[in-house]
Amino acid sequence: MSAAPLSFAEFYPRYLREHSKRGTRVLHFLGTTLFLTAFVLALVWQRFNLIPLGIVAAYGFAWIGHFFVERNRPATFQHPWYSLLGDFRLYFDLLRGRERF
């Protein structure tokens, strides 16, 4: 992922290739679920210190997937915003059954 993609549409197929193993997808899904849970609870309980914990959980699980399952570098380092969008798109595609674990 060295060359900067021109659009998210060009980036996303690369993102999916770097998230091809089931274990990586499961860990990303778990991390994103923990982040979303922490975010909602922070809003409901007005305990905004939960948000950083959710971020740590999301990145922690995702990076474990990259380093130990997929054995690649997370796209976050080169394309942080596209990577974040990719995480959420994959998450909701997994929920809807458009992508498989």
PDB file of N, CA and C in Angstrom:
ATOM      1  N   MET A   1       0.830  -1.194   0.000  1.00  0.00           N
ATOM      2  CA  MET A   1       0.000   0.000   0.000  1.00  0.00           C
ATOM      3  C   MET A   1       0.869   1.250   0.000  1.00  0.00           C
ATOM      4  N   SER A   2       1.816   1.320  -0.856  1.00  0.00           N
ATOM      5  CA  SER A   2       2.720   2.459  -0.839  1.00  0.00           C
ATOM      6  C   SER A   2       2.155   3.659  -1.578  1.00  0.00           C
ATOM      7  N   ALA A   3       1.566   3.458  -2.740  1.00  0.00           N
ATOM      8  CA  ALA A   3       1.024   4.579  -3.502  1.00  0.00           C
ATOM      9  C   ALA A   3      -0.324   4.987  -2.928  1.00  0.00           C
ATOM     10  N   ALA A   4      -0.507   6.286  -2.786  1.00  0.00           N
ATOM     11  CA  ALA A   4      -1.761   6.784  -2.231  1.00  0.00           C
ATOM     12  C   ALA A   4      -2.884   6.591  -3.242  1.00  0.00           C
ATOM     13  N   PRO A   5      -3.947   5.901  -2.844  1.00  0.00           N
ATOM     14  CA  PRO A   5      -5.078   5.730  -3.758  1.00  0.00           C
ATOM     15  C   PRO A   5      -5.752   7.074  -4.026  1.00  0.00           C
ATOM     16  N   LEU A   6      -6.360   7.169  -5.171  1.00  0.00           N
ATOM     17  CA  LEU A   6      -7.042   8.408  -5.521  1.00  0.00           C
ATOM     18  C   LEU A   6      -8.395   8.515  -4.841  1.00  0.00           C
ATOM     19  N   SER A   7      -8.984   7.398  -4.508  1.00  0.00           N
ATOM     20  CA  SER A   7     -10.319   7.420  -3.908  1.00  0.00           C
ATOM     21  C   SER A   7     -10.478   6.226  -2.976  1.00  0.00           C
ATOM     22  N   PHE A   8     -11.507   6.292  -2.147  1.00  0.00           N
ATOM     23  CA  PHE A   8     -11.804   5.165  -1.270  1.00  0.00           C
ATOM     24  C   PHE A   8     -12.186   3.937  -2.088  1.00  0.00           C
ATOM     25  N   ALA A   9     -12.851   4.147  -3.211  1.00  0.00           N
ATOM     26  CA  ALA A   9     -13.235   3.025  -4.082  1.00  0.00           C
ATOM     27  C   ALA A   9     -12.003   2.265  -4.575  1.00  0.00           C
ATOM     28  N   GLU A  10     -10.902   2.954  -4.793  1.00  0.00           N
ATOM     29  CA  GLU A  10      -9.657   2.297  -5.198  1.00  0.00           C
ATOM     30  C   GLU A  10      -8.949   1.649  -4.005  1.00  0.00           C
ATOM     31  N   PHE A  11      -9.092   2.256  -2.850  1.00  0.00           N
ATOM     32  CA  PHE A  11      -8.434   1.752  -1.647  1.00  0.00           C
ATOM     33  C   PHE A  11      -9.101   0.488  -1.109  1.00  0.00           C
ATOM     34  N   TYR A  12     -10.416   0.424  -1.145  1.00  0.00           N
ATOM     35  CA  TYR A  12     -11.140  -0.644  -0.451  1.00  0.00           C
ATOM     36  C   TYR A  12     -10.789  -2.057  -0.927  1.00  0.00           C
ATOM     37  N   PRO A  13     -10.625  -2.321  -2.219  1.00  0.00           N
ATOM     38  CA  PRO A  13     -10.196  -3.679  -2.609  1.00  0.00           C
ATOM     39  C   PRO A  13      -8.848  -4.069  -1.998  1.00  0.00           C
ATOM     40  N   ARG A  14      -7.933  -3.125  -1.888  1.00  0.00           N
ATOM     41  CA  ARG A  14      -6.653  -3.390  -1.222  1.00  0.00           C
ATOM     42  C   ARG A  14      -6.885  -3.695   0.256  1.00  0.00           C
ATOM     43  N   TYR A  15      -7.766  -2.915   0.854  1.00  0.00           N
ATOM     44  CA  TYR A  15      -8.104  -3.125   2.266  1.00  0.00           C
ATOM     45  C   TYR A  15      -8.621  -4.548   2.478  1.00  0.00           C
ATOM     46  N   LEU A  16      -9.514  -4.990   1.614  1.00  0.00           N
ATOM     47  CA  LEU A  16     -10.072  -6.343   1.748  1.00  0.00           C
ATOM     48  C   LEU A  16      -8.999  -7.417   1.580  1.00  0.00           C
ATOM     49  N   ARG A  17      -8.056  -7.208   0.672  1.00  0.00           N
ATOM     50  CA  ARG A  17      -6.965  -8.176   0.496  1.00  0.00           C
ATOM     51  C   ARG A  17      -6.106  -8.276   1.755  1.00  0.00           C
ATOM     52  N   GLU A  18      -5.946  -7.163   2.450  1.00  0.00           N
ATOM     53  CA  GLU A  18      -5.142  -7.161   3.668  1.00  0.00           C
ATOM     54  C   GLU A  18      -5.936  -7.621   4.888  1.00  0.00           C
ATOM     55  N   HIS A  19      -7.206  -7.930   4.675  1.00  0.00           N
ATOM     56  CA  HIS A  19      -8.083  -8.454   5.728  1.00  0.00           C
ATOM     57  C   HIS A  19      -8.759  -9.720   5.214  1.00  0.00           C
ATOM     58  N   SER A  20      -7.980 -10.606   4.631  1.00  0.00           N
ATOM     59  CA  SER A  20      -8.557 -11.767   3.952  1.00  0.00           C
ATOM     60  C   SER A  20      -8.753 -12.973   4.867  1.00  0.00           C
ATOM     61  N   LYS A  21      -8.031 -13.036   5.962  1.00  0.00           N
ATOM     62  CA  LYS A  21      -8.119 -14.208   6.837  1.00  0.00           C
ATOM     63  C   LYS A  21      -9.243 -14.042   7.860  1.00  0.00           C
ATOM     64  N   ARG A  22      -9.898 -15.165   8.134  1.00  0.00           N
ATOM     65  CA  ARG A  22     -11.042 -15.162   9.048  1.00  0.00           C
ATOM     66  C   ARG A  22     -10.673 -14.591  10.422  1.00  0.00           C
ATOM     67  N   GLY A  23      -9.532 -14.996  10.952  1.00  0.00           N
ATOM     68  CA  GLY A  23      -9.114 -14.521  12.271  1.00  0.00           C
ATOM     69  C   GLY A  23      -8.961 -13.013  12.329  1.00  0.00           C
ATOM     70  N   THR A  24      -8.410 -12.434  11.285  1.00  0.00           N
ATOM     71  CA  THR A  24      -8.255 -10.981  11.222  1.00  0.00           C
ATOM     72  C   THR A  24      -9.612 -10.303  11.226  1.00  0.00           C
ATOM     73  N   ARG A  25     -10.529 -10.823  10.443  1.00  0.00           N
ATOM     74  CA  ARG A  25     -11.864 -10.230  10.372  1.00  0.00           C
ATOM     75  C   ARG A  25     -12.603 -10.352  11.702  1.00  0.00           C
ATOM     76  N   VAL A  26     -12.464 -11.501  12.355  1.00  0.00           N
ATOM     77  CA  VAL A  26     -13.111 -11.690  13.659  1.00  0.00           C
ATOM     78  C   VAL A  26     -12.546 -10.698  14.674  1.00  0.00           C
ATOM     79  N   LEU A  27     -11.229 -10.551  14.702  1.00  0.00           N
ATOM     80  CA  LEU A  27     -10.615  -9.620  15.649  1.00  0.00           C
ATOM     81  C   LEU A  27     -11.000  -8.174  15.350  1.00  0.00           C
ATOM     82  N   HIS A  28     -11.056  -7.792  14.084  1.00  0.00           N
ATOM     83  CA  HIS A  28     -11.510  -6.448  13.725  1.00  0.00           C
ATOM     84  C   HIS A  28     -12.961  -6.242  14.151  1.00  0.00           C
ATOM     85  N   PHE A  29     -13.788  -7.241  13.900  1.00  0.00           N
ATOM     86  CA  PHE A  29     -15.204  -7.144  14.255  1.00  0.00           C
ATOM     87  C   PHE A  29     -15.362  -6.983  15.769  1.00  0.00           C
ATOM     88  N   LEU A  30     -14.629  -7.764  16.524  1.00  0.00           N
ATOM     89  CA  LEU A  30     -14.686  -7.673  17.979  1.00  0.00           C
ATOM     90  C   LEU A  30     -14.223  -6.297  18.460  1.00  0.00           C
ATOM     91  N   GLY A  31     -13.109  -5.826  17.938  1.00  0.00           N
ATOM     92  CA  GLY A  31     -12.598  -4.517  18.330  1.00  0.00           C
ATOM     93  C   GLY A  31     -13.550  -3.389  17.988  1.00  0.00           C
ATOM     94  N   THR A  32     -14.134  -3.428  16.805  1.00  0.00           N
ATOM     95  CA  THR A  32     -15.087  -2.389  16.404  1.00  0.00           C
ATOM     96  C   THR A  32     -16.341  -2.454  17.257  1.00  0.00           C
ATOM     97  N   THR A  33     -16.798  -3.658  17.587  1.00  0.00           N
ATOM     98  CA  THR A  33     -17.959  -3.807  18.469  1.00  0.00           C
ATOM     99  C   THR A  33     -17.673  -3.205  19.841  1.00  0.00           C
ATOM    100  N   LEU A  34     -16.495  -3.465  20.373  1.00  0.00           N
ATOM    101  CA  LEU A  34     -16.127  -2.889  21.669  1.00  0.00           C
ATOM    102  C   LEU A  34     -16.063  -1.368  21.598  1.00  0.00           C
ATOM    103  N   PHE A  35     -15.510  -0.839  20.508  1.00  0.00           N
ATOM    104  CA  PHE A  35     -15.472   0.617  20.355  1.00  0.00           C
ATOM    105  C   PHE A  35     -16.878   1.204  20.310  1.00  0.00           C
ATOM    106  N   LEU A  36     -17.738   0.633  19.475  1.00  0.00           N
ATOM    107  CA  LEU A  36     -19.097   1.163  19.353  1.00  0.00           C
ATOM    108  C   LEU A  36     -19.857   1.059  20.672  1.00  0.00           C
ATOM    109  N   THR A  37     -19.654  -0.025  21.393  1.00  0.00           N
ATOM    110  CA  THR A  37     -20.288  -0.183  22.705  1.00  0.00           C
ATOM    111  C   THR A  37     -19.791   0.881  23.672  1.00  0.00           C
ATOM    112  N   ALA A  38     -18.488   1.083  23.730  1.00  0.00           N
ATOM    113  CA  ALA A  38     -17.914   2.102  24.609  1.00  0.00           C
ATOM    114  C   ALA A  38     -18.413   3.491  24.232  1.00  0.00           C
ATOM    115  N   PHE A  39     -18.516   3.752  22.936  1.00  0.00           N
ATOM    116  CA  PHE A  39     -18.975   5.063  22.472  1.00  0.00           C
ATOM    117  C   PHE A  39     -20.421   5.318  22.887  1.00  0.00           C
ATOM    118  N   VAL A  40     -21.286   4.342  22.666  1.00  0.00           N
ATOM    119  CA  VAL A  40     -22.701   4.494  23.038  1.00  0.00           C
ATOM    120  C   VAL A  40     -22.838   4.636  24.552  1.00  0.00           C
ATOM    121  N   LEU A  41     -22.143   3.803  25.306  1.00  0.00           N
ATOM    122  CA  LEU A  41     -22.213   3.901  26.766  1.00  0.00           C
ATOM    123  C   LEU A  41     -21.677   5.243  27.258  1.00  0.00           C
ATOM    124  N   ALA A  42     -20.632   5.748  26.632  1.00  0.00           N
ATOM    125  CA  ALA A  42     -20.093   7.057  27.003  1.00  0.00           C
ATOM    126  C   ALA A  42     -21.141   8.143  26.815  1.00  0.00           C
ATOM    127  N   LEU A  43     -21.893   8.062  25.724  1.00  0.00           N
ATOM    128  CA  LEU A  43     -22.944   9.052  25.482  1.00  0.00           C
ATOM    129  C   LEU A  43     -24.098   8.898  26.463  1.00  0.00           C
ATOM    130  N   VAL A  44     -24.538   7.664  26.672  1.00  0.00           N
ATOM    131  CA  VAL A  44     -25.688   7.411  27.548  1.00  0.00           C
ATOM    132  C   VAL A  44     -25.360   7.754  28.997  1.00  0.00           C
ATOM    133  N   TRP A  45     -24.213   7.303  29.470  1.00  0.00           N
ATOM    134  CA  TRP A  45     -23.824   7.518  30.865  1.00  0.00           C
ATOM    135  C   TRP A  45     -23.078   8.833  31.077  1.00  0.00           C
ATOM    136  N   GLN A  46     -22.794   9.550  30.003  1.00  0.00           N
ATOM    137  CA  GLN A  46     -21.998  10.777  30.035  1.00  0.00           C
ATOM    138  C   GLN A  46     -20.656  10.546  30.744  1.00  0.00           C
ATOM    139  N   ARG A  47     -20.036   9.431  30.397  1.00  0.00           N
ATOM    140  CA  ARG A  47     -18.706   9.079  30.908  1.00  0.00           C
ATOM    141  C   ARG A  47     -17.778   8.999  29.703  1.00  0.00           C
ATOM    142  N   PHE A  48     -17.343  10.149  29.262  1.00  0.00           N
ATOM    143  CA  PHE A  48     -16.606  10.246  28.010  1.00  0.00           C
ATOM    144  C   PHE A  48     -15.198   9.659  28.081  1.00  0.00           C
ATOM    145  N   ASN A  49     -14.763   9.321  29.291  1.00  0.00           N
ATOM    146  CA  ASN A  49     -13.473   8.642  29.419  1.00  0.00           C
ATOM    147  C   ASN A  49     -13.542   7.215  28.882  1.00  0.00           C
ATOM    148  N   LEU A  50     -14.728   6.719  28.566  1.00  0.00           N
ATOM    149  CA  LEU A  50     -14.865   5.390  27.967  1.00  0.00           C
ATOM    150  C   LEU A  50     -14.443   5.378  26.492  1.00  0.00           C
ATOM    151  N   ILE A  51     -14.511   6.523  25.843  1.00  0.00           N
ATOM    152  CA  ILE A  51     -14.192   6.579  24.411  1.00  0.00           C
ATOM    153  C   ILE A  51     -12.737   6.177  24.132  1.00  0.00           C
ATOM    154  N   PRO A  52     -11.765   6.725  24.860  1.00  0.00           N
ATOM    155  CA  PRO A  52     -10.388   6.265  24.604  1.00  0.00           C
ATOM    156  C   PRO A  52     -10.197   4.772  24.858  1.00  0.00           C
ATOM    157  N   LEU A  53     -10.912   4.229  25.831  1.00  0.00           N
ATOM    158  CA  LEU A  53     -10.819   2.786  26.075  1.00  0.00           C
ATOM    159  C   LEU A  53     -11.339   2.003  24.877  1.00  0.00           C
ATOM    160  N   GLY A  54     -12.413   2.497  24.273  1.00  0.00           N
ATOM    161  CA  GLY A  54     -12.944   1.856  23.073  1.00  0.00           C
ATOM    162  C   GLY A  54     -11.969   1.922  21.914  1.00  0.00           C
ATOM    163  N   ILE A  55     -11.292   3.054  21.785  1.00  0.00           N
ATOM    164  CA  ILE A  55     -10.299   3.210  20.714  1.00  0.00           C
ATOM    165  C   ILE A  55      -9.140   2.237  20.921  1.00  0.00           C
ATOM    166  N   VAL A  56      -8.666   2.130  22.159  1.00  0.00           N
ATOM    167  CA  VAL A  56      -7.574   1.196  22.463  1.00  0.00           C
ATOM    168  C   VAL A  56      -8.004  -0.237  22.163  1.00  0.00           C
ATOM    169  N   ALA A  57      -9.230  -0.589  22.535  1.00  0.00           N
ATOM    170  CA  ALA A  57      -9.734  -1.944  22.258  1.00  0.00           C
ATOM    171  C   ALA A  57      -9.791  -2.201  20.756  1.00  0.00           C
ATOM    172  N   ALA A  58     -10.318  -1.238  20.012  1.00  0.00           N
ATOM    173  CA  ALA A  58     -10.458  -1.416  18.562  1.00  0.00           C
ATOM    174  C   ALA A  58      -9.098  -1.609  17.900  1.00  0.00           C
ATOM    175  N   TYR A  59      -8.168  -0.705  18.185  1.00  0.00           N
ATOM    176  CA  TYR A  59      -6.846  -0.825  17.570  1.00  0.00           C
ATOM    177  C   TYR A  59      -6.090  -2.035  18.094  1.00  0.00           C
ATOM    178  N   GLY A  60      -6.236  -2.331  19.369  1.00  0.00           N
ATOM    179  CA  GLY A  60      -5.546  -3.485  19.943  1.00  0.00           C
ATOM    180  C   GLY A  60      -5.926  -4.785  19.259  1.00  0.00           C
ATOM    181  N   PHE A  61      -7.221  -5.042  19.139  1.00  0.00           N
ATOM    182  CA  PHE A  61      -7.666  -6.272  18.486  1.00  0.00           C
ATOM    183  C   PHE A  61      -7.298  -6.276  17.002  1.00  0.00           C
ATOM    184  N   ALA A  62      -7.450  -5.134  16.345  1.00  0.00           N
ATOM    185  CA  ALA A  62      -7.123  -5.062  14.918  1.00  0.00           C
ATOM    186  C   ALA A  62      -5.638  -5.334  14.682  1.00  0.00           C
ATOM    187  N   TRP A  63      -4.779  -4.729  15.481  1.00  0.00           N
ATOM    188  CA  TRP A  63      -3.344  -4.902  15.283  1.00  0.00           C
ATOM    189  C   TRP A  63      -2.891  -6.313  15.622  1.00  0.00           C
ATOM    190  N   ILE A  64      -3.518  -6.942  16.606  1.00  0.00           N
ATOM    191  CA  ILE A  64      -3.216  -8.353  16.879  1.00  0.00           C
ATOM    192  C   ILE A  64      -3.518  -9.179  15.629  1.00  0.00           C
ATOM    193  N   GLY A  65      -4.647  -8.882  14.998  1.00  0.00           N
ATOM    194  CA  GLY A  65      -5.006  -9.586  13.770  1.00  0.00           C
ATOM    195  C   GLY A  65      -3.990  -9.388  12.663  1.00  0.00           C
ATOM    196  N   HIS A  66      -3.519  -8.162  12.520  1.00  0.00           N
ATOM    197  CA  HIS A  66      -2.545  -7.890  11.455  1.00  0.00           C
ATOM    198  C   HIS A  66      -1.188  -8.528  11.744  1.00  0.00           C
ATOM    199  N   PHE A  67      -0.691  -8.350  12.946  1.00  0.00           N
ATOM    200  CA  PHE A  67       0.663  -8.807  13.251  1.00  0.00           C
ATOM    201  C   PHE A  67       0.767 -10.319  13.412  1.00  0.00           C
ATOM    202  N   PHE A  68      -0.268 -10.964  13.972  1.00  0.00           N
ATOM    203  CA  PHE A  68      -0.152 -12.385  14.299  1.00  0.00           C
ATOM    204  C   PHE A  68      -0.983 -13.307  13.417  1.00  0.00           C
ATOM    205  N   VAL A  69      -2.027 -12.797  12.797  1.00  0.00           N
ATOM    206  CA  VAL A  69      -2.870 -13.639  11.939  1.00  0.00           C
ATOM    207  C   VAL A  69      -2.560 -13.360  10.472  1.00  0.00           C
ATOM    208  N   GLU A  70      -2.746 -12.118  10.069  1.00  0.00           N
ATOM    209  CA  GLU A  70      -2.555 -11.742   8.664  1.00  0.00           C
ATOM    210  C   GLU A  70      -1.069 -11.586   8.324  1.00  0.00           C
ATOM    211  N   ARG A  71      -0.270 -11.232   9.333  1.00  0.00           N
ATOM    212  CA  ARG A  71       1.173 -11.005   9.186  1.00  0.00           C
ATOM    213  C   ARG A  71       1.488  -9.906   8.162  1.00  0.00           C
ATOM    214  N   ASN A  72       0.813  -8.774   8.348  1.00  0.00           N
ATOM    215  CA  ASN A  72       1.080  -7.607   7.512  1.00  0.00           C
ATOM    216  C   ASN A  72       1.007  -6.350   8.370  1.00  0.00           C
ATOM    217  N   ARG A  73       1.326  -5.229   7.773  1.00  0.00           N
ATOM    218  CA  ARG A  73       1.250  -3.941   8.473  1.00  0.00           C
ATOM    219  C   ARG A  73      -0.140  -3.370   8.314  1.00  0.00           C
ATOM    220  N   PRO A  74      -0.731  -2.850   9.392  1.00  0.00           N
ATOM    221  CA  PRO A  74      -2.048  -2.225   9.268  1.00  0.00           C
ATOM    222  C   PRO A  74      -2.016  -1.037   8.305  1.00  0.00           C
ATOM    223  N   ALA A  75      -3.069  -0.907   7.526  1.00  0.00           N
ATOM    224  CA  ALA A  75      -3.183   0.212   6.579  1.00  0.00           C
ATOM    225  C   ALA A  75      -3.277   1.553   7.297  1.00  0.00           C
ATOM    226  N   THR A  76      -3.587   1.514   8.578  1.00  0.00           N
ATOM    227  CA  THR A  76      -3.720   2.732   9.378  1.00  0.00           C
ATOM    228  C   THR A  76      -2.473   3.600   9.304  1.00  0.00           C
ATOM    229  N   PHE A  77      -1.314   2.974   9.195  1.00  0.00           N
ATOM    230  CA  PHE A  77      -0.070   3.733   9.218  1.00  0.00           C
ATOM    231  C   PHE A  77       0.103   4.610   7.980  1.00  0.00           C
ATOM    232  N   GLN A  78      -0.408   4.178   6.840  1.00  0.00           N
ATOM    233  CA  GLN A  78      -0.247   4.962   5.611  1.00  0.00           C
ATOM    234  C   GLN A  78      -1.516   5.690   5.191  1.00  0.00           C
ATOM    235  N   HIS A  79      -2.661   5.129   5.521  1.00  0.00           N
ATOM    236  CA  HIS A  79      -3.938   5.695   5.072  1.00  0.00           C
ATOM    237  C   HIS A  79      -4.939   5.682   6.230  1.00  0.00           C
ATOM    238  N   PRO A  80      -4.732   6.532   7.241  1.00  0.00           N
ATOM    239  CA  PRO A  80      -5.559   6.437   8.446  1.00  0.00           C
ATOM    240  C   PRO A  80      -7.052   6.652   8.213  1.00  0.00           C
ATOM    241  N   TRP A  81      -7.426   7.612   7.388  1.00  0.00           N
ATOM    242  CA  TRP A  81      -8.863   7.888   7.209  1.00  0.00           C
ATOM    243  C   TRP A  81      -9.535   6.833   6.343  1.00  0.00           C
ATOM    244  N   TYR A  82      -8.893   6.449   5.263  1.00  0.00           N
ATOM    245  CA  TYR A  82      -9.452   5.377   4.433  1.00  0.00           C
ATOM    246  C   TYR A  82      -9.521   4.067   5.221  1.00  0.00           C
ATOM    247  N   SER A  83      -8.523   3.829   6.059  1.00  0.00           N
ATOM    248  CA  SER A  83      -8.517   2.619   6.867  1.00  0.00           C
ATOM    249  C   SER A  83      -9.680   2.616   7.856  1.00  0.00           C
ATOM    250  N   LEU A  84      -9.928   3.757   8.475  1.00  0.00           N
ATOM    251  CA  LEU A  84     -11.063   3.869   9.398  1.00  0.00           C
ATOM    252  C   LEU A  84     -12.381   3.637   8.670  1.00  0.00           C
ATOM    253  N   LEU A  85     -12.528   4.256   7.505  1.00  0.00           N
ATOM    254  CA  LEU A  85     -13.736   4.023   6.699  1.00  0.00           C
ATOM    255  C   LEU A  85     -13.849   2.557   6.301  1.00  0.00           C
ATOM    256  N   GLY A  86     -12.728   1.950   5.943  1.00  0.00           N
ATOM    257  CA  GLY A  86     -12.725   0.536   5.580  1.00  0.00           C
ATOM    258  C   GLY A  86     -13.137  -0.347   6.739  1.00  0.00           C
ATOM    259  N   ASP A  87     -12.661  -0.011   7.944  1.00  0.00           N
ATOM    260  CA  ASP A  87     -13.042  -0.785   9.127  1.00  0.00           C
ATOM    261  C   ASP A  87     -14.556  -0.775   9.320  1.00  0.00           C
ATOM    262  N   PHE A  88     -15.146   0.400   9.227  1.00  0.00           N
ATOM    263  CA  PHE A  88     -16.596   0.487   9.436  1.00  0.00           C
ATOM    264  C   PHE A  88     -17.378  -0.145   8.288  1.00  0.00           C
ATOM    265  N   ARG A  89     -16.891   0.031   7.074  1.00  0.00           N
ATOM    266  CA  ARG A  89     -17.594  -0.601   5.952  1.00  0.00           C
ATOM    267  C   ARG A  89     -17.550  -2.120   6.079  1.00  0.00           C
ATOM    268  N   LEU A  90     -16.382  -2.680   6.374  1.00  0.00           N
ATOM    269  CA  LEU A  90     -16.277  -4.127   6.550  1.00  0.00           C
ATOM    270  C   LEU A  90     -17.153  -4.585   7.710  1.00  0.00           C
ATOM    271  N   TYR A  91     -17.158  -3.841   8.804  1.00  0.00           N
ATOM    272  CA  TYR A  91     -17.969  -4.192   9.974  1.00  0.00           C
ATOM    273  C   TYR A  91     -19.442  -4.327   9.590  1.00  0.00           C
ATOM    274  N   PHE A  92     -19.963  -3.303   8.928  1.00  0.00           N
ATOM    275  CA  PHE A  92     -21.389  -3.337   8.586  1.00  0.00           C
ATOM    276  C   PHE A  92     -21.681  -4.320   7.453  1.00  0.00           C
ATOM    277  N   ASP A  93     -20.727  -4.533   6.560  1.00  0.00           N
ATOM    278  CA  ASP A  93     -20.906  -5.570   5.534  1.00  0.00           C
ATOM    279  C   ASP A  93     -20.922  -6.963   6.161  1.00  0.00           C
ATOM    280  N   LEU A  94     -20.117  -7.180   7.195  1.00  0.00           N
ATOM    281  CA  LEU A  94     -20.150  -8.457   7.910  1.00  0.00           C
ATOM    282  C   LEU A  94     -21.493  -8.636   8.626  1.00  0.00           C
ATOM    283  N   LEU A  95     -21.978  -7.569   9.239  1.00  0.00           N
ATOM    284  CA  LEU A  95     -23.277  -7.636   9.927  1.00  0.00           C
ATOM    285  C   LEU A  95     -24.411  -7.981   8.969  1.00  0.00           C
ATOM    286  N   ARG A  96     -24.371  -7.399   7.784  1.00  0.00           N
ATOM    287  CA  ARG A  96     -25.443  -7.607   6.796  1.00  0.00           C
ATOM    288  C   ARG A  96     -25.251  -8.861   5.962  1.00  0.00           C
ATOM    289  N   GLY A  97     -24.145  -9.539   6.127  1.00  0.00           N
ATOM    290  CA  GLY A  97     -23.890 -10.746   5.352  1.00  0.00           C
ATOM    291  C   GLY A  97     -23.347 -10.490   3.959  1.00  0.00           C
ATOM    292  N   ARG A  98     -22.924  -9.269   3.670  1.00  0.00           N
ATOM    293  CA  ARG A  98     -22.338  -8.953   2.354  1.00  0.00           C
ATOM    294  C   ARG A  98     -20.893  -9.425   2.249  1.00  0.00           C
ATOM    295  N   GLU A  99     -20.252  -9.584   3.385  1.00  0.00           N
ATOM    296  CA  GLU A  99     -18.902 -10.155   3.469  1.00  0.00           C
ATOM    297  C   GLU A  99     -18.966 -11.306   4.454  1.00  0.00           C
ATOM    298  N   ARG A 100     -18.033 -12.245   4.309  1.00  0.00           N
ATOM    299  CA  ARG A 100     -17.970 -13.399   5.202  1.00  0.00           C
ATOM    300  C   ARG A 100     -16.789 -13.265   6.142  1.00  0.00           C
ATOM    301  N   PHE A 101     -16.958 -13.828   7.325  1.00  0.00           N
ATOM    302  CA  PHE A 101     -15.857 -13.857   8.294  1.00  0.00           C
ATOM    303  C   PHE A 101     -14.753 -14.761   7.798  1.00  0.00           C
TER     304      PHE A 101
END
